[in-house]
């Protein structure tokens, strides 16, 4: 029932979709990274549930492991990077009033 989308860097699964919230489970393959991007209509909270990720938010790099989280405010440039040899998984909770793909500005792929 949940929609799964495969990407070159891994995959994501939409777990919940409501008017003001969208929740995704995102898996990042070893050595892969998501595009460096921002959104103008949503905040995001990322919670690592397996493995370790390096996360860049507005040019500052953070490392987050199982059970750790990070807040990404509207307008902040961000990306997840898996520098390990194991798939990393995080839960992305989006809050706002619009979750369309056209609210993504990509700065680097």
PDB file of N, CA and C in Angstrom:
ATOM      1  N   UNK A   1       0.825  -1.197   0.000  1.00  0.00           N
ATOM      2  CA  UNK A   1       0.000   0.000   0.000  1.00  0.00           C
ATOM      3  C   UNK A   1       0.871   1.264   0.000  1.00  0.00           C
ATOM      4  N   UNK A   2       1.982   1.257   0.763  1.00  0.00           N
ATOM      5  CA  UNK A   2       2.863   2.423   0.774  1.00  0.00           C
ATOM      6  C   UNK A   2       3.618   2.508  -0.543  1.00  0.00           C
ATOM      7  N   UNK A   3       3.816   3.721  -1.020  1.00  0.00           N
ATOM      8  CA  UNK A   3       4.541   3.899  -2.271  1.00  0.00           C
ATOM      9  C   UNK A   3       6.038   3.902  -2.020  1.00  0.00           C
ATOM     10  N   UNK A   4       6.775   3.102  -2.816  1.00  0.00           N
ATOM     11  CA  UNK A   4       8.232   3.022  -2.718  1.00  0.00           C
ATOM     12  C   UNK A   4       8.810   3.557  -4.018  1.00  0.00           C
ATOM     13  N   UNK A   5       9.783   4.466  -3.899  1.00  0.00           N
ATOM     14  CA  UNK A   5      10.436   5.053  -5.061  1.00  0.00           C
ATOM     15  C   UNK A   5      11.921   4.727  -4.992  1.00  0.00           C
ATOM     16  N   UNK A   6      12.447   4.088  -6.030  1.00  0.00           N
ATOM     17  CA  UNK A   6      13.868   3.763  -6.099  1.00  0.00           C
ATOM     18  C   UNK A   6      14.620   4.906  -6.769  1.00  0.00           C
ATOM     19  N   UNK A   7      15.794   5.193  -6.244  1.00  0.00           N
ATOM     20  CA  UNK A   7      16.687   6.211  -6.792  1.00  0.00           C
ATOM     21  C   UNK A   7      18.092   5.600  -6.914  1.00  0.00           C
ATOM     22  N   UNK A   8      18.986   6.269  -7.619  1.00  0.00           N
ATOM     23  CA  UNK A   8      20.359   5.785  -7.765  1.00  0.00           C
ATOM     24  C   UNK A   8      21.050   5.663  -6.401  1.00  0.00           C
ATOM     25  N   UNK A   9      20.722   6.562  -5.463  1.00  0.00           N
ATOM     26  CA  UNK A   9      21.355   6.590  -4.139  1.00  0.00           C
ATOM     27  C   UNK A   9      20.686   5.649  -3.134  1.00  0.00           C
ATOM     28  N   UNK A  10      19.530   5.094  -3.464  1.00  0.00           N
ATOM     29  CA  UNK A  10      18.811   4.220  -2.527  1.00  0.00           C
ATOM     30  C   UNK A  10      17.322   4.220  -2.842  1.00  0.00           C
ATOM     31  N   UNK A  11      16.494   4.399  -1.805  1.00  0.00           N
ATOM     32  CA  UNK A  11      15.045   4.424  -2.021  1.00  0.00           C
ATOM     33  C   UNK A  11      14.359   5.153  -0.881  1.00  0.00           C
ATOM     34  N   UNK A  12      13.087   5.536  -1.136  1.00  0.00           N
ATOM     35  CA  UNK A  12      12.275   6.069  -0.051  1.00  0.00           C
ATOM     36  C   UNK A  12      10.874   5.502  -0.137  1.00  0.00           C
ATOM     37  N   UNK A  13      10.251   5.396   1.025  1.00  0.00           N
ATOM     38  CA  UNK A  13       8.906   4.869   1.149  1.00  0.00           C
ATOM     39  C   UNK A  13       8.069   5.874   1.924  1.00  0.00           C
ATOM     40  N   UNK A  14       6.935   6.265   1.365  1.00  0.00           N
ATOM     41  CA  UNK A  14       6.037   7.180   2.065  1.00  0.00           C
ATOM     42  C   UNK A  14       5.225   6.367   3.074  1.00  0.00           C
ATOM     43  N   UNK A  15       5.375   6.708   4.351  1.00  0.00           N
ATOM     44  CA  UNK A  15       4.691   5.979   5.423  1.00  0.00           C
ATOM     45  C   UNK A  15       3.383   6.633   5.839  1.00  0.00           C
ATOM     46  N   UNK A  16       3.313   7.965   5.699  1.00  0.00           N
ATOM     47  CA  UNK A  16       2.134   8.704   6.143  1.00  0.00           C
ATOM     48  C   UNK A  16       2.002   9.968   5.310  1.00  0.00           C
ATOM     49  N   UNK A  17       0.776  10.286   4.919  1.00  0.00           N
ATOM     50  CA  UNK A  17       0.523  11.503   4.160  1.00  0.00           C
ATOM     51  C   UNK A  17      -0.750  12.140   4.728  1.00  0.00           C
ATOM     52  N   UNK A  18      -0.605  13.325   5.313  1.00  0.00           N
ATOM     53  CA  UNK A  18      -1.735  14.076   5.868  1.00  0.00           C
ATOM     54  C   UNK A  18      -1.668  15.494   5.312  1.00  0.00           C
ATOM     55  N   UNK A  19      -2.643  16.337   5.629  1.00  0.00           N
ATOM     56  CA  UNK A  19      -2.661  17.706   5.111  1.00  0.00           C
ATOM     57  C   UNK A  19      -1.425  18.509   5.492  1.00  0.00           C
ATOM     58  N   UNK A  20      -0.912  18.318   6.708  1.00  0.00           N
ATOM     59  CA  UNK A  20       0.199  19.135   7.198  1.00  0.00           C
ATOM     60  C   UNK A  20       1.430  18.329   7.597  1.00  0.00           C
ATOM     61  N   UNK A  21       1.442  17.043   7.220  1.00  0.00           N
ATOM     62  CA  UNK A  21       2.574  16.178   7.568  1.00  0.00           C
ATOM     63  C   UNK A  21       2.757  15.100   6.506  1.00  0.00           C
ATOM     64  N   UNK A  22       4.015  14.818   6.202  1.00  0.00           N
ATOM     65  CA  UNK A  22       4.349  13.678   5.345  1.00  0.00           C
ATOM     66  C   UNK A  22       5.545  12.992   5.989  1.00  0.00           C
ATOM     67  N   UNK A  23       5.507  11.657   6.072  1.00  0.00           N
ATOM     68  CA  UNK A  23       6.579  10.896   6.711  1.00  0.00           C
ATOM     69  C   UNK A  23       7.138   9.894   5.708  1.00  0.00           C
ATOM     70  N   UNK A  24       8.469   9.897   5.575  1.00  0.00           N
ATOM     71  CA  UNK A  24       9.143   8.970   4.665  1.00  0.00           C
ATOM     72  C   UNK A  24      10.205   8.163   5.420  1.00  0.00           C
ATOM     73  N   UNK A  25      10.389   6.929   4.989  1.00  0.00           N
ATOM     74  CA  UNK A  25      11.527   6.102   5.408  1.00  0.00           C
ATOM     75  C   UNK A  25      12.505   6.131   4.239  1.00  0.00           C
ATOM     76  N   UNK A  26      13.727   6.631   4.486  1.00  0.00           N
ATOM     77  CA  UNK A  26      14.701   6.829   3.413  1.00  0.00           C
ATOM     78  C   UNK A  26      15.928   5.951   3.675  1.00  0.00           C
ATOM     79  N   UNK A  27      16.292   5.148   2.678  1.00  0.00           N
ATOM     80  CA  UNK A  27      17.469   4.275   2.757  1.00  0.00           C
ATOM     81  C   UNK A  27      18.530   4.804   1.803  1.00  0.00           C
ATOM     82  N   UNK A  28      19.750   4.998   2.333  1.00  0.00           N
ATOM     83  CA  UNK A  28      20.856   5.530   1.529  1.00  0.00           C
ATOM     84  C   UNK A  28      21.933   4.451   1.434  1.00  0.00           C
ATOM     85  N   UNK A  29      22.232   4.037   0.195  1.00  0.00           N
ATOM     86  CA  UNK A  29      23.221   2.994  -0.034  1.00  0.00           C
ATOM     87  C   UNK A  29      24.617   3.451   0.410  1.00  0.00           C
ATOM     88  N   UNK A  30      25.502   2.488   0.710  1.00  0.00           N
ATOM     89  CA  UNK A  30      26.885   2.835   1.071  1.00  0.00           C
ATOM     90  C   UNK A  30      27.547   3.704   0.005  1.00  0.00           C
ATOM     91  N   UNK A  31      28.217   4.768   0.450  1.00  0.00           N
ATOM     92  CA  UNK A  31      28.952   5.642  -0.447  1.00  0.00           C
ATOM     93  C   UNK A  31      28.097   6.587  -1.275  1.00  0.00           C
ATOM     94  N   UNK A  32      26.803   6.641  -1.012  1.00  0.00           N
ATOM     95  CA  UNK A  32      25.894   7.474  -1.806  1.00  0.00           C
ATOM     96  C   UNK A  32      25.462   8.729  -1.041  1.00  0.00           C
ATOM     97  N   UNK A  33      24.877   9.687  -1.777  1.00  0.00           N
ATOM     98  CA  UNK A  33      24.400  10.921  -1.158  1.00  0.00           C
ATOM     99  C   UNK A  33      23.166  11.423  -1.882  1.00  0.00           C
ATOM    100  N   UNK A  34      22.329  12.142  -1.163  1.00  0.00           N
ATOM    101  CA  UNK A  34      21.165  12.796  -1.745  1.00  0.00           C
ATOM    102  C   UNK A  34      21.602  14.151  -2.289  1.00  0.00           C
ATOM    103  N   UNK A  35      20.794  14.731  -3.153  1.00  0.00           N
ATOM    104  CA  UNK A  35      21.139  16.046  -3.713  1.00  0.00           C
ATOM    105  C   UNK A  35      21.127  17.112  -2.612  1.00  0.00           C
ATOM    106  N   UNK A  36      21.937  18.142  -2.826  1.00  0.00           N
ATOM    107  CA  UNK A  36      21.972  19.291  -1.912  1.00  0.00           C
ATOM    108  C   UNK A  36      20.801  20.166  -2.315  1.00  0.00           C
ATOM    109  N   UNK A  37      19.838  20.378  -1.415  1.00  0.00           N
ATOM    110  CA  UNK A  37      18.571  20.990  -1.780  1.00  0.00           C
ATOM    111  C   UNK A  37      17.982  21.816  -0.653  1.00  0.00           C
ATOM    112  N   UNK A  38      16.922  22.544  -0.982  1.00  0.00           N
ATOM    113  CA  UNK A  38      16.164  23.283   0.026  1.00  0.00           C
ATOM    114  C   UNK A  38      14.689  23.257  -0.354  1.00  0.00           C
ATOM    115  N   UNK A  39      13.841  23.639   0.617  1.00  0.00           N
ATOM    116  CA  UNK A  39      12.394  23.709   0.423  1.00  0.00           C
ATOM    117  C   UNK A  39      11.900  25.015   1.041  1.00  0.00           C
ATOM    118  N   UNK A  40      10.932  25.646   0.414  1.00  0.00           N
ATOM    119  CA  UNK A  40      10.413  26.902   0.966  1.00  0.00           C
ATOM    120  C   UNK A  40       9.109  26.713   1.732  1.00  0.00           C
ATOM    121  N   UNK A  41       8.493  25.535   1.631  1.00  0.00           N
ATOM    122  CA  UNK A  41       7.173  25.359   2.241  1.00  0.00           C
ATOM    123  C   UNK A  41       7.114  24.284   3.303  1.00  0.00           C
ATOM    124  N   UNK A  42       8.251  23.741   3.700  1.00  0.00           N
ATOM    125  CA  UNK A  42       8.231  22.703   4.737  1.00  0.00           C
ATOM    126  C   UNK A  42       9.505  22.661   5.555  1.00  0.00           C
ATOM    127  N   UNK A  43       9.334  22.311   6.822  1.00  0.00           N
ATOM    128  CA  UNK A  43      10.437  21.975   7.716  1.00  0.00           C
ATOM    129  C   UNK A  43      10.593  20.464   7.677  1.00  0.00           C
ATOM    130  N   UNK A  44      11.785  19.983   8.025  1.00  0.00           N
ATOM    131  CA  UNK A  44      11.998  18.543   8.099  1.00  0.00           C
ATOM    132  C   UNK A  44      12.734  18.197   9.382  1.00  0.00           C
ATOM    133  N   UNK A  45      12.394  17.045   9.945  1.00  0.00           N
ATOM    134  CA  UNK A  45      13.130  16.449  11.048  1.00  0.00           C
ATOM    135  C   UNK A  45      13.583  15.080  10.565  1.00  0.00           C
ATOM    136  N   UNK A  46      14.871  14.807  10.687  1.00  0.00           N
ATOM    137  CA  UNK A  46      15.424  13.515  10.288  1.00  0.00           C
ATOM    138  C   UNK A  46      15.868  12.767  11.536  1.00  0.00           C
ATOM    139  N   UNK A  47      15.448  11.507  11.644  1.00  0.00           N
ATOM    140  CA  UNK A  47      15.852  10.632  12.746  1.00  0.00           C
ATOM    141  C   UNK A  47      16.523   9.403  12.146  1.00  0.00           C
ATOM    142  N   UNK A  48      17.794   9.187  12.483  1.00  0.00           N
ATOM    143  CA  UNK A  48      18.519   8.019  11.978  1.00  0.00           C
ATOM    144  C   UNK A  48      18.050   6.793  12.764  1.00  0.00           C
ATOM    145  N   UNK A  49      17.619   5.763  12.032  1.00  0.00           N
ATOM    146  CA  UNK A  49      17.126   4.549  12.690  1.00  0.00           C
ATOM    147  C   UNK A  49      18.025   3.339  12.436  1.00  0.00           C
ATOM    148  N   UNK A  50      19.001   3.467  11.531  1.00  0.00           N
ATOM    149  CA  UNK A  50      19.965   2.400  11.291  1.00  0.00           C
ATOM    150  C   UNK A  50      21.191   2.982  10.609  1.00  0.00           C
ATOM    151  N   UNK A  51      22.366   2.687  11.139  1.00  0.00           N
ATOM    152  CA  UNK A  51      23.608   3.155  10.535  1.00  0.00           C
ATOM    153  C   UNK A  51      23.995   4.560  10.962  1.00  0.00           C
ATOM    154  N   UNK A  52      24.860   5.167  10.142  1.00  0.00           N
ATOM    155  CA  UNK A  52      25.398   6.503  10.412  1.00  0.00           C
ATOM    156  C   UNK A  52      25.339   7.331   9.141  1.00  0.00           C
ATOM    157  N   UNK A  53      24.939   8.596   9.288  1.00  0.00           N
ATOM    158  CA  UNK A  53      24.885   9.534   8.165  1.00  0.00           C
ATOM    159  C   UNK A  53      25.673  10.788   8.489  1.00  0.00           C
ATOM    160  N   UNK A  54      26.278  11.360   7.485  1.00  0.00           N
ATOM    161  CA  UNK A  54      26.808  12.707   7.582  1.00  0.00           C
ATOM    162  C   UNK A  54      25.762  13.590   6.922  1.00  0.00           C
ATOM    163  N   UNK A  55      25.353  14.639   7.617  1.00  0.00           N
ATOM    164  CA  UNK A  55      24.275  15.503   7.150  1.00  0.00           C
ATOM    165  C   UNK A  55      24.794  16.920   7.072  1.00  0.00           C
ATOM    166  N   UNK A  56      24.633  17.536   5.927  1.00  0.00           N
ATOM    167  CA  UNK A  56      25.054  18.921   5.746  1.00  0.00           C
ATOM    168  C   UNK A  56      23.811  19.802   5.793  1.00  0.00           C
ATOM    169  N   UNK A  57      23.834  20.817   6.658  1.00  0.00           N
ATOM    170  CA  UNK A  57      22.768  21.805   6.746  1.00  0.00           C
ATOM    171  C   UNK A  57      23.428  23.179   6.665  1.00  0.00           C
ATOM    172  N   UNK A  58      23.120  23.918   5.608  1.00  0.00           N
ATOM    173  CA  UNK A  58      23.688  25.250   5.398  1.00  0.00           C
ATOM    174  C   UNK A  58      25.204  25.266   5.563  1.00  0.00           C
ATOM    175  N   UNK A  59      25.864  24.363   4.851  1.00  0.00           N
ATOM    176  CA  UNK A  59      27.331  24.288   4.763  1.00  0.00           C
ATOM    177  C   UNK A  59      28.009  23.705   6.010  1.00  0.00           C
ATOM    178  N   UNK A  60      27.270  23.345   7.053  1.00  0.00           N
ATOM    179  CA  UNK A  60      27.854  22.747   8.266  1.00  0.00           C
ATOM    180  C   UNK A  60      27.559  21.255   8.250  1.00  0.00           C
ATOM    181  N   UNK A  61      28.605  20.441   8.468  1.00  0.00           N
ATOM    182  CA  UNK A  61      28.440  18.989   8.430  1.00  0.00           C
ATOM    183  C   UNK A  61      28.301  18.414   9.839  1.00  0.00           C
ATOM    184  N   UNK A  62      27.311  17.547  10.009  1.00  0.00           N
ATOM    185  CA  UNK A  62      27.031  16.876  11.274  1.00  0.00           C
ATOM    186  C   UNK A  62      27.061  15.376  11.038  1.00  0.00           C
ATOM    187  N   UNK A  63      27.429  14.619  12.049  1.00  0.00           N
ATOM    188  CA  UNK A  63      27.336  13.169  11.972  1.00  0.00           C
ATOM    189  C   UNK A  63      26.227  12.720  12.912  1.00  0.00           C
ATOM    190  N   UNK A  64      25.348  11.873  12.416  1.00  0.00           N
ATOM    191  CA  UNK A  64      24.241  11.356  13.216  1.00  0.00           C
ATOM    192  C   UNK A  64      24.187   9.844  13.056  1.00  0.00           C
ATOM    193  N   UNK A  65      24.014   9.152  14.185  1.00  0.00           N
ATOM    194  CA  UNK A  65      23.913   7.696  14.209  1.00  0.00           C
ATOM    195  C   UNK A  65      22.575   7.291  14.789  1.00  0.00           C
ATOM    196  N   UNK A  66      22.361   5.986  14.858  1.00  0.00           N
ATOM    197  CA  UNK A  66      21.113   5.416  15.360  1.00  0.00           C
ATOM    198  C   UNK A  66      20.568   6.179  16.573  1.00  0.00           C
ATOM    199  N   UNK A  67      19.319   6.607  16.482  1.00  0.00           N
ATOM    200  CA  UNK A  67      18.647   7.290  17.583  1.00  0.00           C
ATOM    201  C   UNK A  67      18.873   8.789  17.640  1.00  0.00           C
ATOM    202  N   UNK A  68      19.738   9.316  16.791  1.00  0.00           N
ATOM    203  CA  UNK A  68      20.003  10.757  16.797  1.00  0.00           C
ATOM    204  C   UNK A  68      19.205  11.438  15.683  1.00  0.00           C
ATOM    205  N   UNK A  69      18.939  12.732  15.890  1.00  0.00           N
ATOM    206  CA  UNK A  69      18.108  13.465  14.932  1.00  0.00           C
ATOM    207  C   UNK A  69      18.712  14.825  14.613  1.00  0.00           C
ATOM    208  N   UNK A  70      18.107  15.472  13.620  1.00  0.00           N
ATOM    209  CA  UNK A  70      18.517  16.821  13.238  1.00  0.00           C
ATOM    210  C   UNK A  70      17.294  17.551  12.680  1.00  0.00           C
ATOM    211  N   UNK A  71      17.213  18.841  12.963  1.00  0.00           N
ATOM    212  CA  UNK A  71      16.128  19.699  12.468  1.00  0.00           C
ATOM    213  C   UNK A  71      16.617  20.449  11.228  1.00  0.00           C
ATOM    214  N   UNK A  72      15.777  20.512  10.214  1.00  0.00           N
ATOM    215  CA  UNK A  72      16.105  21.243   8.991  1.00  0.00           C
ATOM    216  C   UNK A  72      14.986  22.255   8.739  1.00  0.00           C
ATOM    217  N   UNK A  73      15.230  23.521   9.062  1.00  0.00           N
ATOM    218  CA  UNK A  73      14.192  24.550   8.882  1.00  0.00           C
ATOM    219  C   UNK A  73      13.927  24.851   7.410  1.00  0.00           C
ATOM    220  N   UNK A  74      12.750  25.393   7.126  1.00  0.00           N
ATOM    221  CA  UNK A  74      12.410  25.852   5.774  1.00  0.00           C
ATOM    222  C   UNK A  74      13.532  26.735   5.251  1.00  0.00           C
ATOM    223  N   UNK A  75      13.877  26.550   3.991  1.00  0.00           N
ATOM    224  CA  UNK A  75      14.884  27.397   3.357  1.00  0.00           C
ATOM    225  C   UNK A  75      16.315  26.960   3.555  1.00  0.00           C
ATOM    226  N   UNK A  76      16.572  26.038   4.478  1.00  0.00           N
ATOM    227  CA  UNK A  76      17.948  25.577   4.721  1.00  0.00           C
ATOM    228  C   UNK A  76      18.383  24.595   3.639  1.00  0.00           C
ATOM    229  N   UNK A  77      19.600  24.790   3.136  1.00  0.00           N
ATOM    230  CA  UNK A  77      20.178  23.840   2.191  1.00  0.00           C
ATOM    231  C   UNK A  77      20.629  22.614   2.982  1.00  0.00           C
ATOM    232  N   UNK A  78      20.341  21.418   2.447  1.00  0.00           N
ATOM    233  CA  UNK A  78      20.661  20.211   3.196  1.00  0.00           C
ATOM    234  C   UNK A  78      20.878  19.012   2.278  1.00  0.00           C
ATOM    235  N   UNK A  79      21.607  18.018   2.825  1.00  0.00           N
ATOM    236  CA  UNK A  79      21.812  16.755   2.121  1.00  0.00           C
ATOM    237  C   UNK A  79      22.255  15.699   3.122  1.00  0.00           C
ATOM    238  N   UNK A  80      22.004  14.433   2.795  1.00  0.00           N
ATOM    239  CA  UNK A  80      22.473  13.298   3.588  1.00  0.00           C
ATOM    240  C   UNK A  80      23.529  12.565   2.775  1.00  0.00           C
ATOM    241  N   UNK A  81      24.606  12.146   3.458  1.00  0.00           N
ATOM    242  CA  UNK A  81      25.707  11.425   2.820  1.00  0.00           C
ATOM    243  C   UNK A  81      25.994  10.185   3.655  1.00  0.00           C
ATOM    244  N   UNK A  82      26.071   9.036   2.987  1.00  0.00           N
ATOM    245  CA  UNK A  82      26.440   7.802   3.680  1.00  0.00           C
ATOM    246  C   UNK A  82      27.892   7.491   3.343  1.00  0.00           C
ATOM    247  N   UNK A  83      28.791   7.748   4.281  1.00  0.00           N
ATOM    248  CA  UNK A  83      30.219   7.527   4.071  1.00  0.00           C
ATOM    249  C   UNK A  83      30.649   6.139   4.540  1.00  0.00           C
ATOM    250  N   UNK A  84      29.697   5.316   4.954  1.00  0.00           N
ATOM    251  CA  UNK A  84      30.021   3.989   5.495  1.00  0.00           C
ATOM    252  C   UNK A  84      29.836   2.906   4.435  1.00  0.00           C
ATOM    253  N   UNK A  85      30.110   1.659   4.827  1.00  0.00           N
ATOM    254  CA  UNK A  85      29.937   0.524   3.913  1.00  0.00           C
ATOM    255  C   UNK A  85      28.662  -0.259   4.221  1.00  0.00           C
ATOM    256  N   UNK A  86      27.720   0.380   4.934  1.00  0.00           N
ATOM    257  CA  UNK A  86      26.445  -0.234   5.301  1.00  0.00           C
ATOM    258  C   UNK A  86      25.313   0.736   4.944  1.00  0.00           C
ATOM    259  N   UNK A  87      24.197   0.211   4.482  1.00  0.00           N
ATOM    260  CA  UNK A  87      23.041   1.068   4.185  1.00  0.00           C
ATOM    261  C   UNK A  87      22.610   1.810   5.444  1.00  0.00           C
ATOM    262  N   UNK A  88      22.348   3.095   5.311  1.00  0.00           N
ATOM    263  CA  UNK A  88      21.852   3.920   6.419  1.00  0.00           C
ATOM    264  C   UNK A  88      20.383   4.231   6.168  1.00  0.00           C
ATOM    265  N   UNK A  89      19.593   4.231   7.233  1.00  0.00           N
ATOM    266  CA  UNK A  89      18.160   4.488   7.109  1.00  0.00           C
ATOM    267  C   UNK A  89      17.766   5.601   8.063  1.00  0.00           C
ATOM    268  N   UNK A  90      16.969   6.556   7.557  1.00  0.00           N
ATOM    269  CA  UNK A  90      16.433   7.589   8.433  1.00  0.00           C
ATOM    270  C   UNK A  90      14.965   7.835   8.130  1.00  0.00           C
ATOM    271  N   UNK A  91      14.272   8.348   9.123  1.00  0.00           N
ATOM    272  CA  UNK A  91      12.871   8.726   8.991  1.00  0.00           C
ATOM    273  C   UNK A  91      12.828  10.236   8.821  1.00  0.00           C
ATOM    274  N   UNK A  92      12.148  10.686   7.783  1.00  0.00           N
ATOM    275  CA  UNK A  92      12.005  12.107   7.497  1.00  0.00           C
ATOM    276  C   UNK A  92      10.565  12.515   7.800  1.00  0.00           C
ATOM    277  N   UNK A  93      10.402  13.435   8.738  1.00  0.00           N
ATOM    278  CA  UNK A  93       9.076  13.958   9.060  1.00  0.00           C
ATOM    279  C   UNK A  93       8.996  15.375   8.506  1.00  0.00           C
ATOM    280  N   UNK A  94       8.150  15.560   7.509  1.00  0.00           N
ATOM    281  CA  UNK A  94       7.960  16.864   6.888  1.00  0.00           C
ATOM    282  C   UNK A  94       6.728  17.511   7.512  1.00  0.00           C
ATOM    283  N   UNK A  95       6.863  18.782   7.892  1.00  0.00           N
ATOM    284  CA  UNK A  95       5.713  19.536   8.393  1.00  0.00           C
ATOM    285  C   UNK A  95       5.636  20.850   7.633  1.00  0.00           C
ATOM    286  N   UNK A  96       4.432  21.227   7.263  1.00  0.00           N
ATOM    287  CA  UNK A  96       4.240  22.447   6.492  1.00  0.00           C
ATOM    288  C   UNK A  96       2.881  22.408   5.835  1.00  0.00           C
ATOM    289  N   UNK A  97       2.757  23.149   4.733  1.00  0.00           N
ATOM    290  CA  UNK A  97       1.463  23.179   4.068  1.00  0.00           C
ATOM    291  C   UNK A  97       1.523  22.723   2.614  1.00  0.00           C
ATOM    292  N   UNK A  98       2.716  22.257   2.168  1.00  0.00           N
ATOM    293  CA  UNK A  98       2.839  21.770   0.800  1.00  0.00           C
ATOM    294  C   UNK A  98       4.042  20.845   0.713  1.00  0.00           C
ATOM    295  N   UNK A  99       3.877  19.682   0.043  1.00  0.00           N
ATOM    296  CA  UNK A  99       4.942  18.674   0.001  1.00  0.00           C
ATOM    297  C   UNK A  99       5.286  18.227  -1.416  1.00  0.00           C
ATOM    298  N   UNK A 100       4.884  19.007  -2.419  1.00  0.00           N
ATOM    299  CA  UNK A 100       5.124  18.641  -3.810  1.00  0.00           C
ATOM    300  C   UNK A 100       6.595  18.675  -4.186  1.00  0.00           C
ATOM    301  N   UNK A 101       6.924  17.880  -5.208  1.00  0.00           N
ATOM    302  CA  UNK A 101       8.302  17.816  -5.699  1.00  0.00           C
ATOM    303  C   UNK A 101       8.768  19.153  -6.272  1.00  0.00           C
ATOM    304  N   UNK A 102       7.832  20.019  -6.682  1.00  0.00           N
ATOM    305  CA  UNK A 102       8.227  21.312  -7.247  1.00  0.00           C
ATOM    306  C   UNK A 102       8.621  22.320  -6.165  1.00  0.00           C
ATOM    307  N   UNK A 103       8.608  21.894  -4.890  1.00  0.00           N
ATOM    308  CA  UNK A 103       9.123  22.739  -3.800  1.00  0.00           C
ATOM    309  C   UNK A 103      10.569  22.367  -3.469  1.00  0.00           C
ATOM    310  N   UNK A 104      11.218  21.656  -4.371  1.00  0.00           N
ATOM    311  CA  UNK A 104      12.621  21.290  -4.177  1.00  0.00           C
ATOM    312  C   UNK A 104      13.484  22.143  -5.086  1.00  0.00           C
ATOM    313  N   UNK A 105      14.442  22.872  -4.495  1.00  0.00           N
ATOM    314  CA  UNK A 105      15.454  23.592  -5.264  1.00  0.00           C
ATOM    315  C   UNK A 105      16.743  22.812  -5.085  1.00  0.00           C
ATOM    316  N   UNK A 106      17.301  22.303  -6.185  1.00  0.00           N
ATOM    317  CA  UNK A 106      18.529  21.508  -6.115  1.00  0.00           C
ATOM    318  C   UNK A 106      19.730  22.387  -6.463  1.00  0.00           C
ATOM    319  N   UNK A 107      20.754  22.336  -5.600  1.00  0.00           N
ATOM    320  CA  UNK A 107      21.979  23.121  -5.798  1.00  0.00           C
ATOM    321  C   UNK A 107      23.122  22.272  -6.320  1.00  0.00           C
ATOM    322  N   UNK A 108      23.091  20.976  -5.982  1.00  0.00           N
ATOM    323  CA  UNK A 108      24.132  20.050  -6.408  1.00  0.00           C
ATOM    324  C   UNK A 108      23.555  18.653  -6.338  1.00  0.00           C
ATOM    325  N   UNK A 109      23.832  17.883  -7.369  1.00  0.00           N
ATOM    326  CA  UNK A 109      23.309  16.523  -7.395  1.00  0.00           C
ATOM    327  C   UNK A 109      24.386  15.596  -6.929  1.00  0.00           C
TER     328      UNK A 109
END
